[in-house]
Amino acid sequence: MDFMTTPAHDPAPAMDDALRRHIHDIRGHLSPAMLQADVLALSQDAATRKAAQAILDALDAATRDLAAMRRLLGTGRP
């Protein structure tokens, strides 16, 4: 008796594509906040400039983390 087997379906490529799209979308959501923080960073008010820099630093950290996540896709490493 012969049994036909089908190769196992690897869901990883589809998952990687979905995660790439989500990372792209998240970066898109952060972009308007970055633009507004850039405008606030030009304020004459020192407190506003300081707050804007804190926002920009946080957004930069988030985009670095997203870039690191994107580099991990397809590598199979945590």
PDB file of N, CA and C in Angstrom:
ATOM      1  N   MET A   1       0.848  -1.166   0.000  1.00  0.00           N
ATOM      2  CA  MET A   1       0.000   0.000   0.000  1.00  0.00           C
ATOM      3  C   MET A   1       0.898   1.235   0.000  1.00  0.00           C
ATOM      4  N   ASP A   2       0.656   2.107  -0.940  1.00  0.00           N
ATOM      5  CA  ASP A   2       1.422   3.345  -1.029  1.00  0.00           C
ATOM      6  C   ASP A   2       0.616   4.488  -0.428  1.00  0.00           C
ATOM      7  N   PHE A   3       1.265   5.255   0.381  1.00  0.00           N
ATOM      8  CA  PHE A   3       0.633   6.445   0.939  1.00  0.00           C
ATOM      9  C   PHE A   3       1.267   7.667   0.298  1.00  0.00           C
ATOM     10  N   MET A   4       0.421   8.511  -0.192  1.00  0.00           N
ATOM     11  CA  MET A   4       0.938   9.742  -0.770  1.00  0.00           C
ATOM     12  C   MET A   4       1.034  10.771   0.346  1.00  0.00           C
ATOM     13  N   THR A   5       2.160  11.378   0.400  1.00  0.00           N
ATOM     14  CA  THR A   5       2.327  12.418   1.404  1.00  0.00           C
ATOM     15  C   THR A   5       2.553  13.741   0.701  1.00  0.00           C
ATOM     16  N   THR A   6       2.125  14.746   1.347  1.00  0.00           N
ATOM     17  CA  THR A   6       2.364  16.082   0.810  1.00  0.00           C
ATOM     18  C   THR A   6       3.390  16.750   1.707  1.00  0.00           C
ATOM     19  N   PRO A   7       4.227  17.551   1.110  1.00  0.00           N
ATOM     20  CA  PRO A   7       5.207  18.238   1.955  1.00  0.00           C
ATOM     21  C   PRO A   7       4.505  19.147   2.958  1.00  0.00           C
ATOM     22  N   ALA A   8       5.110  19.249   4.104  1.00  0.00           N
ATOM     23  CA  ALA A   8       4.537  20.114   5.138  1.00  0.00           C
ATOM     24  C   ALA A   8       4.540  21.553   4.645  1.00  0.00           C
ATOM     25  N   HIS A   9       3.459  22.217   4.897  1.00  0.00           N
ATOM     26  CA  HIS A   9       3.341  23.631   4.516  1.00  0.00           C
ATOM     27  C   HIS A   9       4.068  24.470   5.553  1.00  0.00           C
ATOM     28  N   ASP A  10       4.986  25.285   5.094  1.00  0.00           N
ATOM     29  CA  ASP A  10       5.740  26.160   5.994  1.00  0.00           C
ATOM     30  C   ASP A  10       5.045  27.513   6.057  1.00  0.00           C
ATOM     31  N   PRO A  11       4.402  27.832   7.185  1.00  0.00           N
ATOM     32  CA  PRO A  11       3.691  29.110   7.294  1.00  0.00           C
ATOM     33  C   PRO A  11       4.621  30.301   7.534  1.00  0.00           C
ATOM     34  N   ALA A  12       5.919  30.044   7.724  1.00  0.00           N
ATOM     35  CA  ALA A  12       6.845  31.132   8.065  1.00  0.00           C
ATOM     36  C   ALA A  12       6.897  32.237   7.014  1.00  0.00           C
ATOM     37  N   PRO A  13       7.008  31.918   5.703  1.00  0.00           N
ATOM     38  CA  PRO A  13       7.065  33.025   4.732  1.00  0.00           C
ATOM     39  C   PRO A  13       5.821  33.914   4.765  1.00  0.00           C
ATOM     40  N   ALA A  14       4.651  33.318   4.909  1.00  0.00           N
ATOM     41  CA  ALA A  14       3.421  34.114   4.977  1.00  0.00           C
ATOM     42  C   ALA A  14       3.407  34.964   6.244  1.00  0.00           C
ATOM     43  N   MET A  15       3.874  34.385   7.337  1.00  0.00           N
ATOM     44  CA  MET A  15       3.941  35.132   8.599  1.00  0.00           C
ATOM     45  C   MET A  15       4.942  36.280   8.474  1.00  0.00           C
ATOM     46  N   ASP A  16       6.085  36.013   7.845  1.00  0.00           N
ATOM     47  CA  ASP A  16       7.080  37.075   7.644  1.00  0.00           C
ATOM     48  C   ASP A  16       6.495  38.217   6.824  1.00  0.00           C
ATOM     49  N   ASP A  17       5.772  37.882   5.764  1.00  0.00           N
ATOM     50  CA  ASP A  17       5.158  38.926   4.933  1.00  0.00           C
ATOM     51  C   ASP A  17       4.152  39.746   5.736  1.00  0.00           C
ATOM     52  N   ALA A  18       3.348  39.059   6.540  1.00  0.00           N
ATOM     53  CA  ALA A  18       2.359  39.769   7.359  1.00  0.00           C
ATOM     54  C   ALA A  18       3.055  40.685   8.367  1.00  0.00           C
ATOM     55  N   LEU A  19       4.115  40.194   8.984  1.00  0.00           N
ATOM     56  CA  LEU A  19       4.837  41.016   9.958  1.00  0.00           C
ATOM     57  C   LEU A  19       5.523  42.199   9.284  1.00  0.00           C
ATOM     58  N   ARG A  20       6.065  41.999   8.086  1.00  0.00           N
ATOM     59  CA  ARG A  20       6.669  43.119   7.351  1.00  0.00           C
ATOM     60  C   ARG A  20       5.628  44.205   7.077  1.00  0.00           C
ATOM     61  N   ARG A  21       4.427  43.772   6.687  1.00  0.00           N
ATOM     62  CA  ARG A  21       3.354  44.748   6.434  1.00  0.00           C
ATOM     63  C   ARG A  21       2.991  45.502   7.713  1.00  0.00           C
ATOM     64  N   HIS A  22       2.903  44.782   8.830  1.00  0.00           N
ATOM     65  CA  HIS A  22       2.569  45.436  10.102  1.00  0.00           C
ATOM     66  C   HIS A  22       3.661  46.418  10.517  1.00  0.00           C
ATOM     67  N   ILE A  23       4.909  46.021  10.358  1.00  0.00           N
ATOM     68  CA  ILE A  23       6.017  46.918  10.694  1.00  0.00           C
ATOM     69  C   ILE A  23       5.948  48.168   9.833  1.00  0.00           C
ATOM     70  N   HIS A  24       5.691  47.982   8.549  1.00  0.00           N
ATOM     71  CA  HIS A  24       5.555  49.118   7.630  1.00  0.00           C
ATOM     72  C   HIS A  24       4.405  50.029   8.073  1.00  0.00           C
ATOM     73  N   ASP A  25       3.278  49.425   8.426  1.00  0.00           N
ATOM     74  CA  ASP A  25       2.116  50.205   8.863  1.00  0.00           C
ATOM     75  C   ASP A  25       2.408  50.969  10.155  1.00  0.00           C
ATOM     76  N   ILE A  26       3.088  50.326  11.091  1.00  0.00           N
ATOM     77  CA  ILE A  26       3.416  50.993  12.357  1.00  0.00           C
ATOM     78  C   ILE A  26       4.322  52.191  12.098  1.00  0.00           C
ATOM     79  N   ARG A  27       5.313  52.011  11.231  1.00  0.00           N
ATOM     80  CA  ARG A  27       6.187  53.141  10.890  1.00  0.00           C
ATOM     81  C   ARG A  27       5.364  54.272  10.263  1.00  0.00           C
ATOM     82  N   GLY A  28       4.385  53.907   9.452  1.00  0.00           N
ATOM     83  CA  GLY A  28       3.509  54.914   8.858  1.00  0.00           C
ATOM     84  C   GLY A  28       2.699  55.665   9.906  1.00  0.00           C
ATOM     85  N   HIS A  29       2.276  54.953  10.945  1.00  0.00           N
ATOM     86  CA  HIS A  29       1.527  55.610  12.027  1.00  0.00           C
ATOM     87  C   HIS A  29       2.424  56.562  12.822  1.00  0.00           C
ATOM     88  N   LEU A  30       3.693  56.220  12.953  1.00  0.00           N
ATOM     89  CA  LEU A  30       4.621  57.049  13.725  1.00  0.00           C
ATOM     90  C   LEU A  30       5.077  58.287  12.958  1.00  0.00           C
ATOM     91  N   SER A  31       5.030  58.219  11.651  1.00  0.00           N
ATOM     92  CA  SER A  31       5.550  59.306  10.814  1.00  0.00           C
ATOM     93  C   SER A  31       4.915  60.671  11.101  1.00  0.00           C
ATOM     94  N   PRO A  32       3.577  60.791  11.187  1.00  0.00           N
ATOM     95  CA  PRO A  32       2.993  62.103  11.487  1.00  0.00           C
ATOM     96  C   PRO A  32       3.435  62.647  12.852  1.00  0.00           C
ATOM     97  N   ALA A  33       3.602  61.761  13.821  1.00  0.00           N
ATOM     98  CA  ALA A  33       4.067  62.207  15.138  1.00  0.00           C
ATOM     99  C   ALA A  33       5.488  62.755  15.035  1.00  0.00           C
ATOM    100  N   MET A  34       6.318  62.107  14.239  1.00  0.00           N
ATOM    101  CA  MET A  34       7.686  62.602  14.047  1.00  0.00           C
ATOM    102  C   MET A  34       7.681  63.975  13.389  1.00  0.00           C
ATOM    103  N   LEU A  35       6.855  64.136  12.389  1.00  0.00           N
ATOM    104  CA  LEU A  35       6.789  65.425  11.699  1.00  0.00           C
ATOM    105  C   LEU A  35       6.337  66.534  12.645  1.00  0.00           C
ATOM    106  N   GLN A  36       5.335  66.253  13.458  1.00  0.00           N
ATOM    107  CA  GLN A  36       4.851  67.264  14.399  1.00  0.00           C
ATOM    108  C   GLN A  36       5.889  67.560  15.481  1.00  0.00           C
ATOM    109  N   ALA A  37       6.584  66.523  15.947  1.00  0.00           N
ATOM    110  CA  ALA A  37       7.623  66.745  16.951  1.00  0.00           C
ATOM    111  C   ALA A  37       8.763  67.575  16.366  1.00  0.00           C
ATOM    112  N   ASP A  38       9.072  67.356  15.083  1.00  0.00           N
ATOM    113  CA  ASP A  38      10.088  68.187  14.421  1.00  0.00           C
ATOM    114  C   ASP A  38       9.679  69.657  14.434  1.00  0.00           C
ATOM    115  N   VAL A  39       8.405  69.916  14.178  1.00  0.00           N
ATOM    116  CA  VAL A  39       7.901  71.294  14.199  1.00  0.00           C
ATOM    117  C   VAL A  39       8.008  71.865  15.614  1.00  0.00           C
ATOM    118  N   LEU A  40       7.594  71.084  16.604  1.00  0.00           N
ATOM    119  CA  LEU A  40       7.656  71.545  17.995  1.00  0.00           C
ATOM    120  C   LEU A  40       9.097  71.792  18.450  1.00  0.00           C
ATOM    121  N   ALA A  41      10.034  71.040  17.893  1.00  0.00           N
ATOM    122  CA  ALA A  41      11.440  71.208  18.264  1.00  0.00           C
ATOM    123  C   ALA A  41      11.982  72.572  17.853  1.00  0.00           C
ATOM    124  N   LEU A  42      11.289  73.242  16.939  1.00  0.00           N
ATOM    125  CA  LEU A  42      11.705  74.572  16.487  1.00  0.00           C
ATOM    126  C   LEU A  42      11.070  75.698  17.302  1.00  0.00           C
ATOM    127  N   SER A  43      10.301  75.330  18.310  1.00  0.00           N
ATOM    128  CA  SER A  43       9.601  76.319  19.135  1.00  0.00           C
ATOM    129  C   SER A  43      10.588  77.247  19.845  1.00  0.00           C
ATOM    130  N   GLN A  44      10.120  78.440  20.114  1.00  0.00           N
ATOM    131  CA  GLN A  44      10.919  79.400  20.885  1.00  0.00           C
ATOM    132  C   GLN A  44      10.904  79.056  22.375  1.00  0.00           C
ATOM    133  N   ASP A  45       9.914  78.277  22.785  1.00  0.00           N
ATOM    134  CA  ASP A  45       9.768  77.908  24.190  1.00  0.00           C
ATOM    135  C   ASP A  45      10.686  76.720  24.517  1.00  0.00           C
ATOM    136  N   ALA A  46      11.551  76.895  25.501  1.00  0.00           N
ATOM    137  CA  ALA A  46      12.521  75.856  25.862  1.00  0.00           C
ATOM    138  C   ALA A  46      11.847  74.570  26.347  1.00  0.00           C
ATOM    139  N   ALA A  47      10.777  74.705  27.113  1.00  0.00           N
ATOM    140  CA  ALA A  47      10.077  73.516  27.618  1.00  0.00           C
ATOM    141  C   ALA A  47       9.470  72.720  26.466  1.00  0.00           C
ATOM    142  N   THR A  48       8.938  73.420  25.478  1.00  0.00           N
ATOM    143  CA  THR A  48       8.363  72.748  24.312  1.00  0.00           C
ATOM    144  C   THR A  48       9.458  72.035  23.525  1.00  0.00           C
ATOM    145  N   ARG A  49      10.601  72.693  23.344  1.00  0.00           N
ATOM    146  CA  ARG A  49      11.719  72.065  22.629  1.00  0.00           C
ATOM    147  C   ARG A  49      12.206  70.818  23.365  1.00  0.00           C
ATOM    148  N   LYS A  50      12.274  70.905  24.683  1.00  0.00           N
ATOM    149  CA  LYS A  50      12.719  69.760  25.485  1.00  0.00           C
ATOM    150  C   LYS A  50      11.732  68.600  25.354  1.00  0.00           C
ATOM    151  N   ALA A  51      10.445  68.905  25.427  1.00  0.00           N
ATOM    152  CA  ALA A  51       9.417  67.868  25.276  1.00  0.00           C
ATOM    153  C   ALA A  51       9.469  67.264  23.878  1.00  0.00           C
ATOM    154  N   ALA A  52       9.657  68.108  22.874  1.00  0.00           N
ATOM    155  CA  ALA A  52       9.744  67.623  21.495  1.00  0.00           C
ATOM    156  C   ALA A  52      10.927  66.677  21.340  1.00  0.00           C
ATOM    157  N   GLN A  53      12.052  67.017  21.957  1.00  0.00           N
ATOM    158  CA  GLN A  53      13.228  66.150  21.853  1.00  0.00           C
ATOM    159  C   GLN A  53      12.976  64.801  22.518  1.00  0.00           C
ATOM    160  N   ALA A  54      12.273  64.809  23.649  1.00  0.00           N
ATOM    161  CA  ALA A  54      11.931  63.547  24.317  1.00  0.00           C
ATOM    162  C   ALA A  54      11.041  62.691  23.417  1.00  0.00           C
ATOM    163  N   ILE A  55      10.095  63.325  22.745  1.00  0.00           N
ATOM    164  CA  ILE A  55       9.214  62.604  21.818  1.00  0.00           C
ATOM    165  C   ILE A  55      10.034  62.044  20.661  1.00  0.00           C
ATOM    166  N   LEU A  56      10.899  62.870  20.083  1.00  0.00           N
ATOM    167  CA  LEU A  56      11.729  62.419  18.961  1.00  0.00           C
ATOM    168  C   LEU A  56      12.643  61.267  19.366  1.00  0.00           C
ATOM    169  N   ASP A  57      13.213  61.339  20.560  1.00  0.00           N
ATOM    170  CA  ASP A  57      14.073  60.256  21.040  1.00  0.00           C
ATOM    171  C   ASP A  57      13.289  58.950  21.169  1.00  0.00           C
ATOM    172  N   ALA A  58      12.077  59.034  21.714  1.00  0.00           N
ATOM    173  CA  ALA A  58      11.242  57.841  21.864  1.00  0.00           C
ATOM    174  C   ALA A  58      10.842  57.277  20.506  1.00  0.00           C
ATOM    175  N   LEU A  59      10.484  58.147  19.580  1.00  0.00           N
ATOM    176  CA  LEU A  59      10.103  57.690  18.241  1.00  0.00           C
ATOM    177  C   LEU A  59      11.293  57.085  17.506  1.00  0.00           C
ATOM    178  N   ASP A  60      12.472  57.670  17.677  1.00  0.00           N
ATOM    179  CA  ASP A  60      13.676  57.098  17.069  1.00  0.00           C
ATOM    180  C   ASP A  60      13.958  55.706  17.625  1.00  0.00           C
ATOM    181  N   ALA A  61      13.804  55.536  18.928  1.00  0.00           N
ATOM    182  CA  ALA A  61      14.009  54.223  19.544  1.00  0.00           C
ATOM    183  C   ALA A  61      13.007  53.213  18.998  1.00  0.00           C
ATOM    184  N   ALA A  62      11.755  53.635  18.849  1.00  0.00           N
ATOM    185  CA  ALA A  62      10.724  52.736  18.316  1.00  0.00           C
ATOM    186  C   ALA A  62      11.047  52.333  16.881  1.00  0.00           C
ATOM    187  N   THR A  63      11.481  53.275  16.061  1.00  0.00           N
ATOM    188  CA  THR A  63      11.791  52.933  14.666  1.00  0.00           C
ATOM    189  C   THR A  63      13.040  52.060  14.583  1.00  0.00           C
ATOM    190  N   ARG A  64      14.010  52.260  15.482  1.00  0.00           N
ATOM    191  CA  ARG A  64      15.180  51.361  15.511  1.00  0.00           C
ATOM    192  C   ARG A  64      14.752  49.942  15.870  1.00  0.00           C
ATOM    193  N   ASP A  65      13.851  49.825  16.852  1.00  0.00           N
ATOM    194  CA  ASP A  65      13.365  48.498  17.236  1.00  0.00           C
ATOM    195  C   ASP A  65      12.597  47.838  16.098  1.00  0.00           C
ATOM    196  N   LEU A  66      11.798  48.611  15.385  1.00  0.00           N
ATOM    197  CA  LEU A  66      11.068  48.058  14.240  1.00  0.00           C
ATOM    198  C   LEU A  66      12.039  47.601  13.156  1.00  0.00           C
ATOM    199  N   ALA A  67      13.090  48.366  12.921  1.00  0.00           N
ATOM    200  CA  ALA A  67      14.094  47.975  11.927  1.00  0.00           C
ATOM    201  C   ALA A  67      14.791  46.685  12.358  1.00  0.00           C
ATOM    202  N   ALA A  68      15.086  46.556  13.643  1.00  0.00           N
ATOM    203  CA  ALA A  68      15.713  45.336  14.146  1.00  0.00           C
ATOM    204  C   ALA A  68      14.776  44.146  13.979  1.00  0.00           C
ATOM    205  N   MET A  69      13.492  44.349  14.244  1.00  0.00           N
ATOM    206  CA  MET A  69      12.509  43.276  14.054  1.00  0.00           C
ATOM    207  C   MET A  69      12.470  42.850  12.593  1.00  0.00           C
ATOM    208  N   ARG A  70      12.496  43.817  11.697  1.00  0.00           N
ATOM    209  CA  ARG A  70      12.432  43.515  10.266  1.00  0.00           C
ATOM    210  C   ARG A  70      13.652  42.702   9.834  1.00  0.00           C
ATOM    211  N   ARG A  71      14.822  43.031  10.371  1.00  0.00           N
ATOM    212  CA  ARG A  71      16.033  42.283  10.023  1.00  0.00           C
ATOM    213  C   ARG A  71      15.961  40.842  10.515  1.00  0.00           C
ATOM    214  N   LEU A  72      15.246  40.602  11.608  1.00  0.00           N
ATOM    215  CA  LEU A  72      15.127  39.246  12.146  1.00  0.00           C
ATOM    216  C   LEU A  72      14.198  38.358  11.323  1.00  0.00           C
ATOM    217  N   LEU A  73      13.294  38.967  10.573  1.00  0.00           N
ATOM    218  CA  LEU A  73      12.340  38.166   9.806  1.00  0.00           C
ATOM    219  C   LEU A  73      13.084  37.284   8.813  1.00  0.00           C
ATOM    220  N   GLY A  74      12.683  36.036   8.776  1.00  0.00           N
ATOM    221  CA  GLY A  74      13.281  35.103   7.839  1.00  0.00           C
ATOM    222  C   GLY A  74      14.583  34.490   8.321  1.00  0.00           C
ATOM    223  N   THR A  75      15.108  34.948   9.459  1.00  0.00           N
ATOM    224  CA  THR A  75      16.359  34.388   9.957  1.00  0.00           C
ATOM    225  C   THR A  75      16.118  33.205  10.885  1.00  0.00           C
ATOM    226  N   GLY A  76      14.917  33.124  11.441  1.00  0.00           N
ATOM    227  CA  GLY A  76      14.616  32.044  12.371  1.00  0.00           C
ATOM    228  C   GLY A  76      15.261  32.227  13.731  1.00  0.00           C
ATOM    229  N   ARG A  77      15.820  33.413  13.979  1.00  0.00           N
ATOM    230  CA  ARG A  77      16.456  33.682  15.266  1.00  0.00           C
ATOM    231  C   ARG A  77      15.609  34.645  16.073  1.00  0.00           C
ATOM    232  N   PRO A  78      15.558  34.439  17.399  1.00  0.00           N
ATOM    233  CA  PRO A  78      14.810  35.379  18.249  1.00  0.00           C
ATOM    234  C   PRO A  78      15.558  36.681  18.442  1.00  0.00           C
TER     235      PRO A  78
END
